[in-house]
Amino acid sequence: MKERFYVYILFSITDQKFYTGFTTDLRERLQQHARGEVPSTKLRRPFQLIHYEYFINLEDAKAREVFLKSGFGRNQLKQALKRTMGELL
């Protein structure tokens, strides 16, 4: 079976900001965030998973993560998820 690559977006209930990440095991990574095992998000818990994308190519997944972390990518994401964000706020 081919390896899977995920780019995911979490919404912090605490500071109401996005966290964009990359993993090969989405379920385990979300559990790590929830348990406070990820240093960059430990103090920003709890989180809501609001979006993820699945890739079969590592380079495509990494490029997408970099794009979503850019200013243009964040703005595009906010626009695409504006109804979702309205439900969370």
PDB file of N, CA and C in Angstrom:
ATOM      1  N   MET A   1       0.842  -1.190   0.000  1.00  0.00           N
ATOM      2  CA  MET A   1       0.000   0.000   0.000  1.00  0.00           C
ATOM      3  C   MET A   1       0.885   1.250   0.000  1.00  0.00           C
ATOM      4  N   LYS A   2       0.508   2.204  -0.808  1.00  0.00           N
ATOM      5  CA  LYS A   2       1.271   3.445  -0.899  1.00  0.00           C
ATOM      6  C   LYS A   2       1.114   4.266   0.380  1.00  0.00           C
ATOM      7  N   GLU A   3       2.154   5.039   0.666  1.00  0.00           N
ATOM      8  CA  GLU A   3       2.085   5.920   1.821  1.00  0.00           C
ATOM      9  C   GLU A   3       1.117   7.061   1.532  1.00  0.00           C
ATOM     10  N   ARG A   4       0.491   7.515   2.573  1.00  0.00           N
ATOM     11  CA  ARG A   4      -0.477   8.617   2.468  1.00  0.00           C
ATOM     12  C   ARG A   4       0.097   9.849   3.139  1.00  0.00           C
ATOM     13  N   PHE A   5      -0.250  10.990   2.602  1.00  0.00           N
ATOM     14  CA  PHE A   5       0.228  12.257   3.138  1.00  0.00           C
ATOM     15  C   PHE A   5      -0.975  13.182   3.321  1.00  0.00           C
ATOM     16  N   TYR A   6      -1.044  13.791   4.475  1.00  0.00           N
ATOM     17  CA  TYR A   6      -2.165  14.667   4.792  1.00  0.00           C
ATOM     18  C   TYR A   6      -1.661  16.060   5.144  1.00  0.00           C
ATOM     19  N   VAL A   7      -2.347  17.052   4.639  1.00  0.00           N
ATOM     20  CA  VAL A   7      -2.187  18.434   5.074  1.00  0.00           C
ATOM     21  C   VAL A   7      -3.488  18.769   5.775  1.00  0.00           C
ATOM     22  N   TYR A   8      -3.391  19.303   6.975  1.00  0.00           N
ATOM     23  CA  TYR A   8      -4.600  19.521   7.761  1.00  0.00           C
ATOM     24  C   TYR A   8      -4.602  20.916   8.387  1.00  0.00           C
ATOM     25  N   ILE A   9      -5.801  21.377   8.662  1.00  0.00           N
ATOM     26  CA  ILE A   9      -5.996  22.689   9.277  1.00  0.00           C
ATOM     27  C   ILE A   9      -6.780  22.489  10.566  1.00  0.00           C
ATOM     28  N   LEU A  10      -6.210  22.977  11.652  1.00  0.00           N
ATOM     29  CA  LEU A  10      -6.899  22.980  12.933  1.00  0.00           C
ATOM     30  C   LEU A  10      -7.289  24.415  13.258  1.00  0.00           C
ATOM     31  N   PHE A  11      -8.393  24.548  13.970  1.00  0.00           N
ATOM     32  CA  PHE A  11      -8.818  25.857  14.459  1.00  0.00           C
ATOM     33  C   PHE A  11      -8.726  25.821  15.972  1.00  0.00           C
ATOM     34  N   SER A  12      -7.959  26.728  16.542  1.00  0.00           N
ATOM     35  CA  SER A  12      -7.801  26.791  17.992  1.00  0.00           C
ATOM     36  C   SER A  12      -9.006  27.489  18.613  1.00  0.00           C
ATOM     37  N   ILE A  13      -9.688  26.789  19.481  1.00  0.00           N
ATOM     38  CA  ILE A  13     -10.815  27.379  20.203  1.00  0.00           C
ATOM     39  C   ILE A  13     -10.301  28.463  21.156  1.00  0.00           C
ATOM     40  N   THR A  14      -9.088  28.294  21.664  1.00  0.00           N
ATOM     41  CA  THR A  14      -8.501  29.221  22.631  1.00  0.00           C
ATOM     42  C   THR A  14      -8.158  30.574  22.023  1.00  0.00           C
ATOM     43  N   ASP A  15      -7.371  30.571  20.940  1.00  0.00           N
ATOM     44  CA  ASP A  15      -6.952  31.855  20.363  1.00  0.00           C
ATOM     45  C   ASP A  15      -7.610  32.179  19.025  1.00  0.00           C
ATOM     46  N   GLN A  16      -8.478  31.284  18.566  1.00  0.00           N
ATOM     47  CA  GLN A  16      -9.254  31.465  17.335  1.00  0.00           C
ATOM     48  C   GLN A  16      -8.364  31.710  16.114  1.00  0.00           C
ATOM     49  N   LYS A  17      -7.270  30.959  16.051  1.00  0.00           N
ATOM     50  CA  LYS A  17      -6.362  31.035  14.908  1.00  0.00           C
ATOM     51  C   LYS A  17      -6.181  29.649  14.322  1.00  0.00           C
ATOM     52  N   PHE A  18      -5.671  29.619  13.096  1.00  0.00           N
ATOM     53  CA  PHE A  18      -5.419  28.367  12.394  1.00  0.00           C
ATOM     54  C   PHE A  18      -4.072  27.773  12.780  1.00  0.00           C
ATOM     55  N   TYR A  19      -3.994  26.477  12.659  1.00  0.00           N
ATOM     56  CA  TYR A  19      -2.722  25.758  12.678  1.00  0.00           C
ATOM     57  C   TYR A  19      -2.732  24.845  11.462  1.00  0.00           C
ATOM     58  N   THR A  20      -1.713  24.932  10.640  1.00  0.00           N
ATOM     59  CA  THR A  20      -1.602  24.093   9.449  1.00  0.00           C
ATOM     60  C   THR A  20      -0.480  23.099   9.670  1.00  0.00           C
ATOM     61  N   GLY A  21      -0.768  21.828   9.431  1.00  0.00           N
ATOM     62  CA  GLY A  21       0.233  20.800   9.634  1.00  0.00           C
ATOM     63  C   GLY A  21       0.258  19.768   8.528  1.00  0.00           C
ATOM     64  N   PHE A  22       1.225  18.871   8.642  1.00  0.00           N
ATOM     65  CA  PHE A  22       1.470  17.823   7.665  1.00  0.00           C
ATOM     66  C   PHE A  22       1.773  16.539   8.422  1.00  0.00           C
ATOM     67  N   THR A  23       1.232  15.416   7.951  1.00  0.00           N
ATOM     68  CA  THR A  23       1.481  14.142   8.611  1.00  0.00           C
ATOM     69  C   THR A  23       1.214  12.982   7.659  1.00  0.00           C
ATOM     70  N   THR A  24       1.696  11.813   8.041  1.00  0.00           N
ATOM     71  CA  THR A  24       1.368  10.589   7.306  1.00  0.00           C
ATOM     72  C   THR A  24       0.324   9.770   8.050  1.00  0.00           C
ATOM     73  N   ASP A  25       0.014  10.156   9.281  1.00  0.00           N
ATOM     74  CA  ASP A  25      -0.988   9.452  10.090  1.00  0.00           C
ATOM     75  C   ASP A  25      -1.877  10.490  10.763  1.00  0.00           C
ATOM     76  N   LEU A  26      -2.938  10.868  10.087  1.00  0.00           N
ATOM     77  CA  LEU A  26      -3.786  11.965  10.556  1.00  0.00           C
ATOM     78  C   LEU A  26      -4.415  11.664  11.910  1.00  0.00           C
ATOM     79  N   ARG A  27      -4.933  10.478  12.077  1.00  0.00           N
ATOM     80  CA  ARG A  27      -5.603  10.124  13.340  1.00  0.00           C
ATOM     81  C   ARG A  27      -4.637  10.247  14.534  1.00  0.00           C
ATOM     82  N   GLU A  28      -3.455   9.696  14.396  1.00  0.00           N
ATOM     83  CA  GLU A  28      -2.471   9.762  15.485  1.00  0.00           C
ATOM     84  C   GLU A  28      -2.022  11.194  15.728  1.00  0.00           C
ATOM     85  N   ARG A  29      -1.819  11.952  14.673  1.00  0.00           N
ATOM     86  CA  ARG A  29      -1.372  13.331  14.837  1.00  0.00           C
ATOM     87  C   ARG A  29      -2.415  14.175  15.560  1.00  0.00           C
ATOM     88  N   LEU A  30      -3.677  13.963  15.247  1.00  0.00           N
ATOM     89  CA  LEU A  30      -4.739  14.700  15.945  1.00  0.00           C
ATOM     90  C   LEU A  30      -4.769  14.340  17.422  1.00  0.00           C
ATOM     91  N   GLN A  31      -4.531  13.080  17.726  1.00  0.00           N
ATOM     92  CA  GLN A  31      -4.477  12.648  19.130  1.00  0.00           C
ATOM     93  C   GLN A  31      -3.297  13.297  19.847  1.00  0.00           C
ATOM     94  N   GLN A  32      -2.165  13.415  19.162  1.00  0.00           N
ATOM     95  CA  GLN A  32      -1.006  14.084  19.755  1.00  0.00           C
ATOM     96  C   GLN A  32      -1.319  15.540  20.072  1.00  0.00           C
ATOM     97  N   HIS A  33      -1.996  16.218  19.157  1.00  0.00           N
ATOM     98  CA  HIS A  33      -2.402  17.605  19.419  1.00  0.00           C
ATOM     99  C   HIS A  33      -3.322  17.658  20.634  1.00  0.00           C
ATOM    100  N   ALA A  34      -4.284  16.775  20.689  1.00  0.00           N
ATOM    101  CA  ALA A  34      -5.262  16.773  21.784  1.00  0.00           C
ATOM    102  C   ALA A  34      -4.606  16.497  23.131  1.00  0.00           C
ATOM    103  N   ARG A  35      -3.584  15.651  23.155  1.00  0.00           N
ATOM    104  CA  ARG A  35      -2.890  15.308  24.401  1.00  0.00           C
ATOM    105  C   ARG A  35      -1.849  16.355  24.795  1.00  0.00           C
ATOM    106  N   GLY A  36      -1.629  17.353  23.967  1.00  0.00           N
ATOM    107  CA  GLY A  36      -0.642  18.385  24.268  1.00  0.00           C
ATOM    108  C   GLY A  36       0.785  17.950  24.008  1.00  0.00           C
ATOM    109  N   GLU A  37       0.991  16.994  23.130  1.00  0.00           N
ATOM    110  CA  GLU A  37       2.323  16.467  22.836  1.00  0.00           C
ATOM    111  C   GLU A  37       3.042  17.200  21.702  1.00  0.00           C
ATOM    112  N   VAL A  38       2.384  18.180  21.106  1.00  0.00           N
ATOM    113  CA  VAL A  38       2.990  18.963  20.029  1.00  0.00           C
ATOM    114  C   VAL A  38       3.351  20.323  20.615  1.00  0.00           C
ATOM    115  N   PRO A  39       4.639  20.594  20.786  1.00  0.00           N
ATOM    116  CA  PRO A  39       5.056  21.835  21.457  1.00  0.00           C
ATOM    117  C   PRO A  39       4.446  23.115  20.881  1.00  0.00           C
ATOM    118  N   SER A  40       4.333  23.195  19.568  1.00  0.00           N
ATOM    119  CA  SER A  40       3.839  24.436  18.956  1.00  0.00           C
ATOM    120  C   SER A  40       2.350  24.671  19.175  1.00  0.00           C
ATOM    121  N   THR A  41       1.622  23.661  19.599  1.00  0.00           N
ATOM    122  CA  THR A  41       0.178  23.841  19.805  1.00  0.00           C
ATOM    123  C   THR A  41      -0.271  23.529  21.228  1.00  0.00           C
ATOM    124  N   LYS A  42       0.640  23.125  22.063  1.00  0.00           N
ATOM    125  CA  LYS A  42       0.292  22.674  23.419  1.00  0.00           C
ATOM    126  C   LYS A  42      -0.571  23.683  24.187  1.00  0.00           C
ATOM    127  N   LEU A  43      -0.213  24.944  24.102  1.00  0.00           N
ATOM    128  CA  LEU A  43      -0.930  25.978  24.865  1.00  0.00           C
ATOM    129  C   LEU A  43      -2.134  26.542  24.132  1.00  0.00           C
ATOM    130  N   ARG A  44      -2.399  26.047  22.936  1.00  0.00           N
ATOM    131  CA  ARG A  44      -3.493  26.584  22.124  1.00  0.00           C
ATOM    132  C   ARG A  44      -4.694  25.652  22.094  1.00  0.00           C
ATOM    133  N   ARG A  45      -4.656  24.572  22.841  1.00  0.00           N
ATOM    134  CA  ARG A  45      -5.752  23.597  22.866  1.00  0.00           C
ATOM    135  C   ARG A  45      -6.981  24.200  23.528  1.00  0.00           C
ATOM    136  N   PRO A  46      -8.159  23.703  23.221  1.00  0.00           N
ATOM    137  CA  PRO A  46      -8.515  22.605  22.329  1.00  0.00           C
ATOM    138  C   PRO A  46      -8.604  23.072  20.870  1.00  0.00           C
ATOM    139  N   PHE A  47      -8.608  22.084  19.985  1.00  0.00           N
ATOM    140  CA  PHE A  47      -8.667  22.332  18.551  1.00  0.00           C
ATOM    141  C   PHE A  47      -9.876  21.655  17.921  1.00  0.00           C
ATOM    142  N   GLN A  48     -10.261  22.204  16.785  1.00  0.00           N
ATOM    143  CA  GLN A  48     -11.292  21.601  15.940  1.00  0.00           C
ATOM    144  C   GLN A  48     -10.654  21.366  14.579  1.00  0.00           C
ATOM    145  N   LEU A  49     -10.704  20.146  14.085  1.00  0.00           N
ATOM    146  CA  LEU A  49     -10.239  19.873  12.727  1.00  0.00           C
ATOM    147  C   LEU A  49     -11.268  20.464  11.774  1.00  0.00           C
ATOM    148  N   ILE A  50     -10.846  21.396  10.925  1.00  0.00           N
ATOM    149  CA  ILE A  50     -11.811  22.026  10.027  1.00  0.00           C
ATOM    150  C   ILE A  50     -11.565  21.699   8.557  1.00  0.00           C
ATOM    151  N   HIS A  51     -10.388  21.129   8.247  1.00  0.00           N
ATOM    152  CA  HIS A  51     -10.097  20.831   6.850  1.00  0.00           C
ATOM    153  C   HIS A  51      -8.889  19.910   6.769  1.00  0.00           C
ATOM    154  N   TYR A  52      -8.927  18.989   5.827  1.00  0.00           N
ATOM    155  CA  TYR A  52      -7.723  18.216   5.520  1.00  0.00           C
ATOM    156  C   TYR A  52      -7.750  17.803   4.060  1.00  0.00           C
ATOM    157  N   GLU A  53      -6.555  17.563   3.545  1.00  0.00           N
ATOM    158  CA  GLU A  53      -6.386  17.144   2.162  1.00  0.00           C
ATOM    159  C   GLU A  53      -5.473  15.926   2.159  1.00  0.00           C
ATOM    160  N   TYR A  54      -5.764  14.997   1.264  1.00  0.00           N
ATOM    161  CA  TYR A  54      -5.044  13.740   1.152  1.00  0.00           C
ATOM    162  C   TYR A  54      -4.236  13.731  -0.135  1.00  0.00           C
ATOM    163  N   PHE A  55      -2.983  13.315  -0.034  1.00  0.00           N
ATOM    164  CA  PHE A  55      -2.101  13.264  -1.187  1.00  0.00           C
ATOM    165  C   PHE A  55      -1.421  11.906  -1.259  1.00  0.00           C
ATOM    166  N   ILE A  56      -1.078  11.495  -2.472  1.00  0.00           N
ATOM    167  CA  ILE A  56      -0.295  10.276  -2.647  1.00  0.00           C
ATOM    168  C   ILE A  56       1.145  10.605  -2.999  1.00  0.00           C
ATOM    169  N   ASN A  57       1.446  11.898  -3.134  1.00  0.00           N
ATOM    170  CA  ASN A  57       2.777  12.342  -3.497  1.00  0.00           C
ATOM    171  C   ASN A  57       3.314  13.280  -2.423  1.00  0.00           C
ATOM    172  N   LEU A  58       4.469  12.955  -1.864  1.00  0.00           N
ATOM    173  CA  LEU A  58       5.055  13.737  -0.783  1.00  0.00           C
ATOM    174  C   LEU A  58       5.322  15.183  -1.189  1.00  0.00           C
ATOM    175  N   GLU A  59       5.905  15.389  -2.345  1.00  0.00           N
ATOM    176  CA  GLU A  59       6.250  16.751  -2.767  1.00  0.00           C
ATOM    177  C   GLU A  59       5.008  17.620  -2.953  1.00  0.00           C
ATOM    178  N   ASP A  60       3.935  17.037  -3.490  1.00  0.00           N
ATOM    179  CA  ASP A  60       2.688  17.794  -3.644  1.00  0.00           C
ATOM    180  C   ASP A  60       2.124  18.189  -2.279  1.00  0.00           C
ATOM    181  N   ALA A  61       2.172  17.278  -1.337  1.00  0.00           N
ATOM    182  CA  ALA A  61       1.654  17.563   0.000  1.00  0.00           C
ATOM    183  C   ALA A  61       2.459  18.662   0.676  1.00  0.00           C
ATOM    184  N   LYS A  62       3.768  18.578   0.598  1.00  0.00           N
ATOM    185  CA  LYS A  62       4.609  19.604   1.221  1.00  0.00           C
ATOM    186  C   LYS A  62       4.412  20.970   0.561  1.00  0.00           C
ATOM    187  N   ALA A  63       4.268  20.973  -0.755  1.00  0.00           N
ATOM    188  CA  ALA A  63       4.035  22.236  -1.462  1.00  0.00           C
ATOM    189  C   ALA A  63       2.702  22.850  -1.039  1.00  0.00           C
ATOM    190  N   ARG A  64       1.700  22.020  -0.855  1.00  0.00           N
ATOM    191  CA  ARG A  64       0.385  22.521  -0.430  1.00  0.00           C
ATOM    192  C   ARG A  64       0.453  23.087   0.984  1.00  0.00           C
ATOM    193  N   GLU A  65       1.183  22.417   1.860  1.00  0.00           N
ATOM    194  CA  GLU A  65       1.341  22.928   3.222  1.00  0.00           C
ATOM    195  C   GLU A  65       2.021  24.297   3.206  1.00  0.00           C
ATOM    196  N   VAL A  66       3.083  24.432   2.437  1.00  0.00           N
ATOM    197  CA  VAL A  66       3.794  25.711   2.334  1.00  0.00           C
ATOM    198  C   VAL A  66       2.859  26.787   1.798  1.00  0.00           C
ATOM    199  N   PHE A  67       2.079  26.452   0.780  1.00  0.00           N
ATOM    200  CA  PHE A  67       1.138  27.423   0.213  1.00  0.00           C
ATOM    201  C   PHE A  67       0.104  27.868   1.252  1.00  0.00           C
ATOM    202  N   LEU A  68      -0.479  26.909   1.976  1.00  0.00           N
ATOM    203  CA  LEU A  68      -1.509  27.261   2.952  1.00  0.00           C
ATOM    204  C   LEU A  68      -0.962  28.078   4.116  1.00  0.00           C
ATOM    205  N   LYS A  69       0.326  27.977   4.369  1.00  0.00           N
ATOM    206  CA  LYS A  69       0.939  28.768   5.427  1.00  0.00           C
ATOM    207  C   LYS A  69       1.328  30.165   4.945  1.00  0.00           C
ATOM    208  N   SER A  70       1.289  30.395   3.640  1.00  0.00           N
ATOM    209  CA  SER A  70       1.619  31.714   3.099  1.00  0.00           C
ATOM    210  C   SER A  70       0.440  32.664   3.312  1.00  0.00           C
ATOM    211  N   GLY A  71       0.696  33.937   3.204  1.00  0.00           N
ATOM    212  CA  GLY A  71      -0.373  34.917   3.374  1.00  0.00           C
ATOM    213  C   GLY A  71      -1.504  34.717   2.391  1.00  0.00           C
ATOM    214  N   PHE A  72      -1.163  34.497   1.126  1.00  0.00           N
ATOM    215  CA  PHE A  72      -2.189  34.276   0.107  1.00  0.00           C
ATOM    216  C   PHE A  72      -2.959  32.994   0.390  1.00  0.00           C
ATOM    217  N   GLY A  73      -2.252  31.946   0.782  1.00  0.00           N
ATOM    218  CA  GLY A  73      -2.903  30.674   1.087  1.00  0.00           C
ATOM    219  C   GLY A  73      -3.848  30.770   2.270  1.00  0.00           C
ATOM    220  N   ARG A  74      -3.418  31.466   3.321  1.00  0.00           N
ATOM    221  CA  ARG A  74      -4.293  31.655   4.500  1.00  0.00           C
ATOM    222  C   ARG A  74      -5.544  32.429   4.117  1.00  0.00           C
ATOM    223  N   ASN A  75      -5.373  33.475   3.331  1.00  0.00           N
ATOM    224  CA  ASN A  75      -6.535  34.266   2.908  1.00  0.00           C
ATOM    225  C   ASN A  75      -7.485  33.438   2.057  1.00  0.00           C
ATOM    226  N   GLN A  76      -6.943  32.646   1.151  1.00  0.00           N
ATOM    227  CA  GLN A  76      -7.770  31.781   0.312  1.00  0.00           C
ATOM    228  C   GLN A  76      -8.522  30.758   1.173  1.00  0.00           C
ATOM    229  N   LEU A  77      -7.829  30.210   2.149  1.00  0.00           N
ATOM    230  CA  LEU A  77      -8.448  29.241   3.050  1.00  0.00           C
ATOM    231  C   LEU A  77      -9.588  29.888   3.844  1.00  0.00           C
ATOM    232  N   LYS A  78      -9.351  31.052   4.383  1.00  0.00           N
ATOM    233  CA  LYS A  78     -10.395  31.754   5.139  1.00  0.00           C
ATOM    234  C   LYS A  78     -11.617  32.015   4.268  1.00  0.00           C
ATOM    235  N   GLN A  79     -11.386  32.394   3.029  1.00  0.00           N
ATOM    236  CA  GLN A  79     -12.500  32.640   2.110  1.00  0.00           C
ATOM    237  C   GLN A  79     -13.270  31.351   1.829  1.00  0.00           C
ATOM    238  N   ALA A  80     -12.541  30.268   1.586  1.00  0.00           N
ATOM    239  CA  ALA A  80     -13.180  28.987   1.271  1.00  0.00           C
ATOM    240  C   ALA A  80     -13.955  28.428   2.465  1.00  0.00           C
ATOM    241  N   LEU A  81     -13.503  28.740   3.683  1.00  0.00           N
ATOM    242  CA  LEU A  81     -14.123  28.184   4.891  1.00  0.00           C
ATOM    243  C   LEU A  81     -14.921  29.225   5.678  1.00  0.00           C
ATOM    244  N   LYS A  82     -15.362  30.285   5.023  1.00  0.00           N
ATOM    245  CA  LYS A  82     -16.023  31.364   5.756  1.00  0.00           C
ATOM    246  C   LYS A  82     -17.312  30.906   6.446  1.00  0.00           C
ATOM    247  N   ARG A  83     -18.057  30.005   5.845  1.00  0.00           N
ATOM    248  CA  ARG A  83     -19.275  29.518   6.503  1.00  0.00           C
ATOM    249  C   ARG A  83     -18.930  28.642   7.698  1.00  0.00           C
ATOM    250  N   THR A  84     -17.920  27.804   7.530  1.00  0.00           N
ATOM    251  CA  THR A  84     -17.447  26.970   8.637  1.00  0.00           C
ATOM    252  C   THR A  84     -16.991  27.850   9.785  1.00  0.00           C
ATOM    253  N   MET A  85     -16.216  28.884   9.493  1.00  0.00           N
ATOM    254  CA  MET A  85     -15.728  29.779  10.525  1.00  0.00           C
ATOM    255  C   MET A  85     -16.888  30.490  11.219  1.00  0.00           C
ATOM    256  N   GLY A  86     -17.906  30.843  10.459  1.00  0.00           N
ATOM    257  CA  GLY A  86     -19.068  31.489  11.055  1.00  0.00           C
ATOM    258  C   GLY A  86     -19.756  30.580  12.064  1.00  0.00           C
ATOM    259  N   GLU A  87     -19.758  29.303  11.816  1.00  0.00           N
ATOM    260  CA  GLU A  87     -20.361  28.344  12.747  1.00  0.00           C
ATOM    261  C   GLU A  87     -19.514  28.154  14.006  1.00  0.00           C
ATOM    262  N   LEU A  88     -18.216  28.315  13.875  1.00  0.00           N
ATOM    263  CA  LEU A  88     -17.326  28.103  15.014  1.00  0.00           C
ATOM    264  C   LEU A  88     -17.219  29.299  15.935  1.00  0.00           C
ATOM    265  N   LEU A  89     -17.401  30.488  15.374  1.00  0.00           N
ATOM    266  CA  LEU A  89     -17.242  31.710  16.172  1.00  0.00           C
ATOM    267  C   LEU A  89     -18.522  32.121  16.858  1.00  0.00           C
TER     268      LEU A  89
END
